[in-house]
Amino acid sequence: MPWLEGKTGIIKKRWASVKSGHAEMRAKEIQALSVIWPEYAYWLATGEELPEAGQISPMTKKAHELSKTAPRAG
C-alpha cells in the first residue's frame, strides 16, 4: 500500500479499505489506477474488456503471460 500511496497520492489506509472490501472504489481511485495501468482503464470502470483496443484485465494479462513458453536453456 505504501507504493500505491506514493504513486497515486491517495493514502494507504484508503487503499487498504478498498482492498479489504470495507470501502468501495471511487472514481478518484479508478482514475489514479488508470494512470498507472492505462491498459486496465476500461476494465476498472466497467468490468468489461475491449482487447481489440488494448483494454484488458489483470487476469487476461496474467493468463497471456502464463501461456507463453519459457525459453529453453542451452
PDB file of N, CA and C in Angstrom:
ATOM      1  N   MET A   1       0.802  -1.201   0.000  1.00  0.00           N
ATOM      2  CA  MET A   1       0.000   0.000   0.000  1.00  0.00           C
ATOM      3  C   MET A   1       0.858   1.284   0.000  1.00  0.00           C
ATOM      4  N   PRO A   2       2.014   1.281   0.643  1.00  0.00           N
ATOM      5  CA  PRO A   2       2.840   2.499   0.577  1.00  0.00           C
ATOM      6  C   PRO A   2       3.236   2.857  -0.849  1.00  0.00           C
ATOM      7  N   TRP A   3       3.539   1.842  -1.672  1.00  0.00           N
ATOM      8  CA  TRP A   3       3.909   2.094  -3.058  1.00  0.00           C
ATOM      9  C   TRP A   3       2.746   2.754  -3.790  1.00  0.00           C
ATOM     10  N   LEU A   4       1.540   2.219  -3.592  1.00  0.00           N
ATOM     11  CA  LEU A   4       0.361   2.753  -4.257  1.00  0.00           C
ATOM     12  C   LEU A   4       0.063   4.171  -3.773  1.00  0.00           C
ATOM     13  N   GLU A   5       0.238   4.400  -2.495  1.00  0.00           N
ATOM     14  CA  GLU A   5       0.055   5.751  -1.960  1.00  0.00           C
ATOM     15  C   GLU A   5       1.028   6.725  -2.622  1.00  0.00           C
ATOM     16  N   GLY A   6       2.272   6.307  -2.753  1.00  0.00           N
ATOM     17  CA  GLY A   6       3.273   7.160  -3.382  1.00  0.00           C
ATOM     18  C   GLY A   6       2.973   7.461  -4.844  1.00  0.00           C
ATOM     19  N   LYS A   7       2.438   6.483  -5.567  1.00  0.00           N
ATOM     20  CA  LYS A   7       2.134   6.662  -6.980  1.00  0.00           C
ATOM     21  C   LYS A   7       0.856   7.466  -7.224  1.00  0.00           C
ATOM     22  N   THR A   8      -0.110   7.378  -6.296  1.00  0.00           N
ATOM     23  CA  THR A   8      -1.417   7.995  -6.539  1.00  0.00           C
ATOM     24  C   THR A   8      -1.712   9.212  -5.676  1.00  0.00           C
ATOM     25  N   GLY A   9      -1.022   9.339  -4.546  1.00  0.00           N
ATOM     26  CA  GLY A   9      -1.331  10.426  -3.615  1.00  0.00           C
ATOM     27  C   GLY A   9      -2.548  10.128  -2.745  1.00  0.00           C
ATOM     28  N   ILE A  10      -3.102   8.935  -2.887  1.00  0.00           N
ATOM     29  CA  ILE A  10      -4.247   8.506  -2.071  1.00  0.00           C
ATOM     30  C   ILE A  10      -3.680   7.703  -0.903  1.00  0.00           C
ATOM     31  N   ILE A  11      -4.095   8.052   0.304  1.00  0.00           N
ATOM     32  CA  ILE A  11      -3.476   7.459   1.487  1.00  0.00           C
ATOM     33  C   ILE A  11      -3.631   5.934   1.517  1.00  0.00           C
ATOM     34  N   LYS A  12      -2.595   5.301   2.076  1.00  0.00           N
ATOM     35  CA  LYS A  12      -2.555   3.834   2.090  1.00  0.00           C
ATOM     36  C   LYS A  12      -3.701   3.227   2.882  1.00  0.00           C
ATOM     37  N   LYS A  13      -4.202   3.933   3.891  1.00  0.00           N
ATOM     38  CA  LYS A  13      -5.335   3.430   4.666  1.00  0.00           C
ATOM     39  C   LYS A  13      -6.576   3.299   3.776  1.00  0.00           C
ATOM     40  N   ARG A  14      -6.754   4.248   2.867  1.00  0.00           N
ATOM     41  CA  ARG A  14      -7.885   4.187   1.941  1.00  0.00           C
ATOM     42  C   ARG A  14      -7.737   2.982   1.016  1.00  0.00           C
ATOM     43  N   TRP A  15      -6.538   2.774   0.469  1.00  0.00           N
ATOM     44  CA  TRP A  15      -6.303   1.623  -0.395  1.00  0.00           C
ATOM     45  C   TRP A  15      -6.534   0.317   0.358  1.00  0.00           C
ATOM     46  N   ALA A  16      -6.112   0.256   1.612  1.00  0.00           N
ATOM     47  CA  ALA A  16      -6.317  -0.951   2.416  1.00  0.00           C
ATOM     48  C   ALA A  16      -7.807  -1.211   2.616  1.00  0.00           C
ATOM     49  N   SER A  17      -8.585  -0.161   2.822  1.00  0.00           N
ATOM     50  CA  SER A  17     -10.034  -0.310   2.994  1.00  0.00           C
ATOM     51  C   SER A  17     -10.696  -0.821   1.720  1.00  0.00           C
ATOM     52  N   VAL A  18     -10.246  -0.316   0.577  1.00  0.00           N
ATOM     53  CA  VAL A  18     -10.790  -0.769  -0.704  1.00  0.00           C
ATOM     54  C   VAL A  18     -10.418  -2.230  -0.928  1.00  0.00           C
ATOM     55  N   LYS A  19      -9.154  -2.571  -0.692  1.00  0.00           N
ATOM     56  CA  LYS A  19      -8.683  -3.938  -0.906  1.00  0.00           C
ATOM     57  C   LYS A  19      -9.414  -4.939  -0.020  1.00  0.00           C
ATOM     58  N   SER A  20      -9.660  -4.569   1.226  1.00  0.00           N
ATOM     59  CA  SER A  20     -10.312  -5.488   2.164  1.00  0.00           C
ATOM     60  C   SER A  20     -11.817  -5.605   1.940  1.00  0.00           C
ATOM     61  N   GLY A  21     -12.365  -4.699   1.120  1.00  0.00           N
ATOM     62  CA  GLY A  21     -13.797  -4.730   0.860  1.00  0.00           C
ATOM     63  C   GLY A  21     -14.609  -3.898   1.833  1.00  0.00           C
ATOM     64  N   HIS A  22     -13.948  -3.188   2.726  1.00  0.00           N
ATOM     65  CA  HIS A  22     -14.643  -2.325   3.675  1.00  0.00           C
ATOM     66  C   HIS A  22     -15.107  -1.013   3.046  1.00  0.00           C
ATOM     67  N   ALA A  23     -14.564  -0.706   1.877  1.00  0.00           N
ATOM     68  CA  ALA A  23     -14.957   0.502   1.153  1.00  0.00           C
ATOM     69  C   ALA A  23     -15.003   0.185  -0.335  1.00  0.00           C
ATOM     70  N   GLU A  24     -15.893   0.863  -1.036  1.00  0.00           N
ATOM     71  CA  GLU A  24     -15.964   0.703  -2.489  1.00  0.00           C
ATOM     72  C   GLU A  24     -15.032   1.703  -3.157  1.00  0.00           C
ATOM     73  N   MET A  25     -14.537   1.318  -4.310  1.00  0.00           N
ATOM     74  CA  MET A  25     -13.650   2.191  -5.052  1.00  0.00           C
ATOM     75  C   MET A  25     -14.431   3.365  -5.627  1.00  0.00           C
ATOM     76  N   ARG A  26     -13.868   4.543  -5.500  1.00  0.00           N
ATOM     77  CA  ARG A  26     -14.468   5.768  -6.042  1.00  0.00           C
ATOM     78  C   ARG A  26     -13.833   6.092  -7.394  1.00  0.00           C
ATOM     79  N   ALA A  27     -14.469   7.015  -8.090  1.00  0.00           N
ATOM     80  CA  ALA A  27     -13.952   7.443  -9.395  1.00  0.00           C
ATOM     81  C   ALA A  27     -12.515   7.946  -9.275  1.00  0.00           C
ATOM     82  N   LYS A  28     -12.207   8.630  -8.195  1.00  0.00           N
ATOM     83  CA  LYS A  28     -10.860   9.164  -7.989  1.00  0.00           C
ATOM     84  C   LYS A  28      -9.818   8.040  -7.970  1.00  0.00           C
ATOM     85  N   GLU A  29     -10.140   6.937  -7.319  1.00  0.00           N
ATOM     86  CA  GLU A  29      -9.216   5.810  -7.255  1.00  0.00           C
ATOM     87  C   GLU A  29      -9.103   5.118  -8.621  1.00  0.00           C
ATOM     88  N   ILE A  30     -10.216   4.984  -9.310  1.00  0.00           N
ATOM     89  CA  ILE A  30     -10.198   4.382 -10.647  1.00  0.00           C
ATOM     90  C   ILE A  30      -9.324   5.216 -11.584  1.00  0.00           C
ATOM     91  N   GLN A  31      -9.484   6.509 -11.525  1.00  0.00           N
ATOM     92  CA  GLN A  31      -8.677   7.394 -12.369  1.00  0.00           C
ATOM     93  C   GLN A  31      -7.198   7.279 -12.026  1.00  0.00           C
ATOM     94  N   ALA A  32      -6.895   7.212 -10.724  1.00  0.00           N
ATOM     95  CA  ALA A  32      -5.497   7.104 -10.294  1.00  0.00           C
ATOM     96  C   ALA A  32      -4.873   5.799 -10.785  1.00  0.00           C
ATOM     97  N   LEU A  33      -5.608   4.702 -10.690  1.00  0.00           N
ATOM     98  CA  LEU A  33      -5.097   3.421 -11.168  1.00  0.00           C
ATOM     99  C   LEU A  33      -4.941   3.413 -12.682  1.00  0.00           C
ATOM    100  N   SER A  34      -5.825   4.107 -13.368  1.00  0.00           N
ATOM    101  CA  SER A  34      -5.767   4.178 -14.828  1.00  0.00           C
ATOM    102  C   SER A  34      -4.524   4.914 -15.325  1.00  0.00           C
ATOM    103  N   VAL A  35      -4.012   5.799 -14.509  1.00  0.00           N
ATOM    104  CA  VAL A  35      -2.770   6.491 -14.869  1.00  0.00           C
ATOM    105  C   VAL A  35      -1.594   5.520 -14.773  1.00  0.00           C
ATOM    106  N   ILE A  36      -1.606   4.681 -13.740  1.00  0.00           N
ATOM    107  CA  ILE A  36      -0.524   3.712 -13.542  1.00  0.00           C
ATOM    108  C   ILE A  36      -0.613   2.572 -14.551  1.00  0.00           C
ATOM    109  N   TRP A  37      -1.833   2.046 -14.750  1.00  0.00           N
ATOM    110  CA  TRP A  37      -2.070   0.931 -15.656  1.00  0.00           C
ATOM    111  C   TRP A  37      -3.127   1.314 -16.680  1.00  0.00           C
ATOM    112  N   PRO A  38      -2.770   2.062 -17.709  1.00  0.00           N
ATOM    113  CA  PRO A  38      -3.765   2.521 -18.686  1.00  0.00           C
ATOM    114  C   PRO A  38      -4.473   1.377 -19.422  1.00  0.00           C
ATOM    115  N   GLU A  39      -3.816   0.225 -19.536  1.00  0.00           N
ATOM    116  CA  GLU A  39      -4.440  -0.899 -20.223  1.00  0.00           C
ATOM    117  C   GLU A  39      -5.620  -1.487 -19.447  1.00  0.00           C
ATOM    118  N   TYR A  40      -5.768  -1.120 -18.175  1.00  0.00           N
ATOM    119  CA  TYR A  40      -6.871  -1.609 -17.347  1.00  0.00           C
ATOM    120  C   TYR A  40      -7.982  -0.573 -17.167  1.00  0.00           C
ATOM    121  N   ALA A  41      -7.867   0.589 -17.761  1.00  0.00           N
ATOM    122  CA  ALA A  41      -8.810   1.691 -17.518  1.00  0.00           C
ATOM    123  C   ALA A  41     -10.262   1.303 -17.790  1.00  0.00           C
ATOM    124  N   TYR A  42     -10.523   0.741 -18.941  1.00  0.00           N
ATOM    125  CA  TYR A  42     -11.903   0.378 -19.292  1.00  0.00           C
ATOM    126  C   TYR A  42     -12.428  -0.711 -18.372  1.00  0.00           C
ATOM    127  N   TRP A  43     -11.605  -1.699 -18.093  1.00  0.00           N
ATOM    128  CA  TRP A  43     -11.995  -2.790 -17.199  1.00  0.00           C
ATOM    129  C   TRP A  43     -12.282  -2.271 -15.793  1.00  0.00           C
ATOM    130  N   LEU A  44     -11.455  -1.366 -15.293  1.00  0.00           N
ATOM    131  CA  LEU A  44     -11.682  -0.783 -13.965  1.00  0.00           C
ATOM    132  C   LEU A  44     -13.022  -0.050 -13.898  1.00  0.00           C
ATOM    133  N   ALA A  45     -13.347   0.653 -14.951  1.00  0.00           N
ATOM    134  CA  ALA A  45     -14.570   1.458 -14.960  1.00  0.00           C
ATOM    135  C   ALA A  45     -15.828   0.633 -15.224  1.00  0.00           C
ATOM    136  N   THR A  46     -15.704  -0.439 -16.026  1.00  0.00           N
ATOM    137  CA  THR A  46     -16.904  -1.158 -16.462  1.00  0.00           C
ATOM    138  C   THR A  46     -16.949  -2.634 -16.070  1.00  0.00           C
ATOM    139  N   GLY A  47     -15.789  -3.204 -15.789  1.00  0.00           N
ATOM    140  CA  GLY A  47     -15.721  -4.633 -15.528  1.00  0.00           C
ATOM    141  C   GLY A  47     -15.656  -5.448 -16.804  1.00  0.00           C
ATOM    142  N   GLU A  48     -15.589  -4.791 -17.941  1.00  0.00           N
ATOM    143  CA  GLU A  48     -15.525  -5.457 -19.242  1.00  0.00           C
ATOM    144  C   GLU A  48     -14.190  -5.156 -19.907  1.00  0.00           C
ATOM    145  N   GLU A  49     -13.861  -5.964 -20.897  1.00  0.00           N
ATOM    146  CA  GLU A  49     -12.619  -5.785 -21.645  1.00  0.00           C
ATOM    147  C   GLU A  49     -12.910  -5.431 -23.099  1.00  0.00           C
ATOM    148  N   LEU A  50     -11.983  -4.735 -23.714  1.00  0.00           N
ATOM    149  CA  LEU A  50     -12.001  -4.444 -25.148  1.00  0.00           C
ATOM    150  C   LEU A  50     -10.615  -4.790 -25.684  1.00  0.00           C
ATOM    151  N   PRO A  51     -10.307  -6.078 -25.823  1.00  0.00           N
ATOM    152  CA  PRO A  51      -8.953  -6.454 -26.217  1.00  0.00           C
ATOM    153  C   PRO A  51      -8.507  -5.864 -27.551  1.00  0.00           C
ATOM    154  N   GLU A  52      -9.462  -5.661 -28.466  1.00  0.00           N
ATOM    155  CA  GLU A  52      -9.091  -5.084 -29.766  1.00  0.00           C
ATOM    156  C   GLU A  52      -8.591  -3.643 -29.622  1.00  0.00           C
ATOM    157  N   ALA A  53      -8.922  -3.006 -28.497  1.00  0.00           N
ATOM    158  CA  ALA A  53      -8.454  -1.644 -28.225  1.00  0.00           C
ATOM    159  C   ALA A  53      -7.328  -1.631 -27.189  1.00  0.00           C
ATOM    160  N   GLY A  54      -6.849  -2.833 -26.823  1.00  0.00           N
ATOM    161  CA  GLY A  54      -5.773  -2.914 -25.836  1.00  0.00           C
ATOM    162  C   GLY A  54      -6.248  -2.769 -24.406  1.00  0.00           C
ATOM    163  N   GLN A  55      -7.549  -2.843 -24.189  1.00  0.00           N
ATOM    164  CA  GLN A  55      -8.116  -2.703 -22.850  1.00  0.00           C
ATOM    165  C   GLN A  55      -8.442  -4.089 -22.306  1.00  0.00           C
ATOM    166  N   ILE A  56      -7.612  -4.535 -21.351  1.00  0.00           N
ATOM    167  CA  ILE A  56      -7.735  -5.869 -20.790  1.00  0.00           C
ATOM    168  C   ILE A  56      -7.830  -5.805 -19.275  1.00  0.00           C
ATOM    169  N   SER A  57      -7.977  -6.961 -18.657  1.00  0.00           N
ATOM    170  CA  SER A  57      -7.978  -7.057 -17.200  1.00  0.00           C
ATOM    171  C   SER A  57      -6.642  -7.643 -16.753  1.00  0.00           C
ATOM    172  N   PRO A  58      -6.315  -7.498 -15.475  1.00  0.00           N
ATOM    173  CA  PRO A  58      -5.083  -8.128 -14.984  1.00  0.00           C
ATOM    174  C   PRO A  58      -5.115  -9.650 -15.159  1.00  0.00           C
ATOM    175  N   MET A  59      -6.294 -10.255 -15.042  1.00  0.00           N
ATOM    176  CA  MET A  59      -6.402 -11.701 -15.203  1.00  0.00           C
ATOM    177  C   MET A  59      -6.054 -12.123 -16.636  1.00  0.00           C
ATOM    178  N   THR A  60      -6.497 -11.356 -17.615  1.00  0.00           N
ATOM    179  CA  THR A  60      -6.173 -11.651 -19.006  1.00  0.00           C
ATOM    180  C   THR A  60      -4.676 -11.496 -19.241  1.00  0.00           C
ATOM    181  N   LYS A  61      -4.095 -10.464 -18.681  1.00  0.00           N
ATOM    182  CA  LYS A  61      -2.655 -10.258 -18.837  1.00  0.00           C
ATOM    183  C   LYS A  61      -1.883 -11.425 -18.226  1.00  0.00           C
ATOM    184  N   LYS A  62      -2.297 -11.854 -17.040  1.00  0.00           N
ATOM    185  CA  LYS A  62      -1.627 -12.971 -16.365  1.00  0.00           C
ATOM    186  C   LYS A  62      -1.768 -14.253 -17.180  1.00  0.00           C
ATOM    187  N   ALA A  63      -2.972 -14.525 -17.687  1.00  0.00           N
ATOM    188  CA  ALA A  63      -3.194 -15.724 -18.496  1.00  0.00           C
ATOM    189  C   ALA A  63      -2.327 -15.702 -19.749  1.00  0.00           C
ATOM    190  N   HIS A  64      -2.209 -14.532 -20.360  1.00  0.00           N
ATOM    191  CA  HIS A  64      -1.372 -14.402 -21.560  1.00  0.00           C
ATOM    192  C   HIS A  64       0.090 -14.676 -21.214  1.00  0.00           C
ATOM    193  N   GLU A  65       0.551 -14.138 -20.105  1.00  0.00           N
ATOM    194  CA  GLU A  65       1.938 -14.349 -19.684  1.00  0.00           C
ATOM    195  C   GLU A  65       2.196 -15.822 -19.366  1.00  0.00           C
ATOM    196  N   LEU A  66       1.238 -16.491 -18.740  1.00  0.00           N
ATOM    197  CA  LEU A  66       1.408 -17.900 -18.391  1.00  0.00           C
ATOM    198  C   LEU A  66       1.357 -18.805 -19.618  1.00  0.00           C
ATOM    199  N   SER A  67       0.686 -18.370 -20.669  1.00  0.00           N
ATOM    200  CA  SER A  67       0.563 -19.193 -21.865  1.00  0.00           C
ATOM    201  C   SER A  67       1.831 -19.165 -22.727  1.00  0.00           C
ATOM    202  N   LYS A  68       2.674 -18.202 -22.502  1.00  0.00           N
ATOM    203  CA  LYS A  68       3.933 -18.141 -23.237  1.00  0.00           C
ATOM    204  C   LYS A  68       4.850 -19.244 -22.739  1.00  0.00           C
ATOM    205  N   THR A  69       5.575 -19.839 -23.629  1.00  0.00           N
ATOM    206  CA  THR A  69       6.510 -20.882 -23.212  1.00  0.00           C
ATOM    207  C   THR A  69       7.824 -20.252 -22.799  1.00  0.00           C
ATOM    208  N   ALA A  70       8.421 -20.833 -21.768  1.00  0.00           N
ATOM    209  CA  ALA A  70       9.697 -20.329 -21.283  1.00  0.00           C
ATOM    210  C   ALA A  70      10.798 -20.727 -22.251  1.00  0.00           C
ATOM    211  N   PRO A  71      11.796 -19.857 -22.443  1.00  0.00           N
ATOM    212  CA  PRO A  71      12.911 -20.216 -23.332  1.00  0.00           C
ATOM    213  C   PRO A  71      13.681 -21.396 -22.769  1.00  0.00           C
ATOM    214  N   ARG A  72      14.192 -22.244 -23.640  1.00  0.00           N
ATOM    215  CA  ARG A  72      14.950 -23.412 -23.204  1.00  0.00           C
ATOM    216  C   ARG A  72      16.417 -23.053 -22.995  1.00  0.00           C
ATOM    217  N   ALA A  73      16.993 -23.631 -21.959  1.00  0.00           N
ATOM    218  CA  ALA A  73      18.403 -23.398 -21.677  1.00  0.00           C
ATOM    219  C   ALA A  73      19.246 -24.246 -22.624  1.00  0.00           C
ATOM    220  N   GLY A  74      20.416 -23.720 -22.970  1.00  0.00           N
ATOM    221  CA  GLY A  74      21.381 -24.495 -23.709  1.00  0.00           C
ATOM    222  C   GLY A  74      21.204 -24.472 -25.134  1.00  0.00           C
TER     223      GLY A  74
END
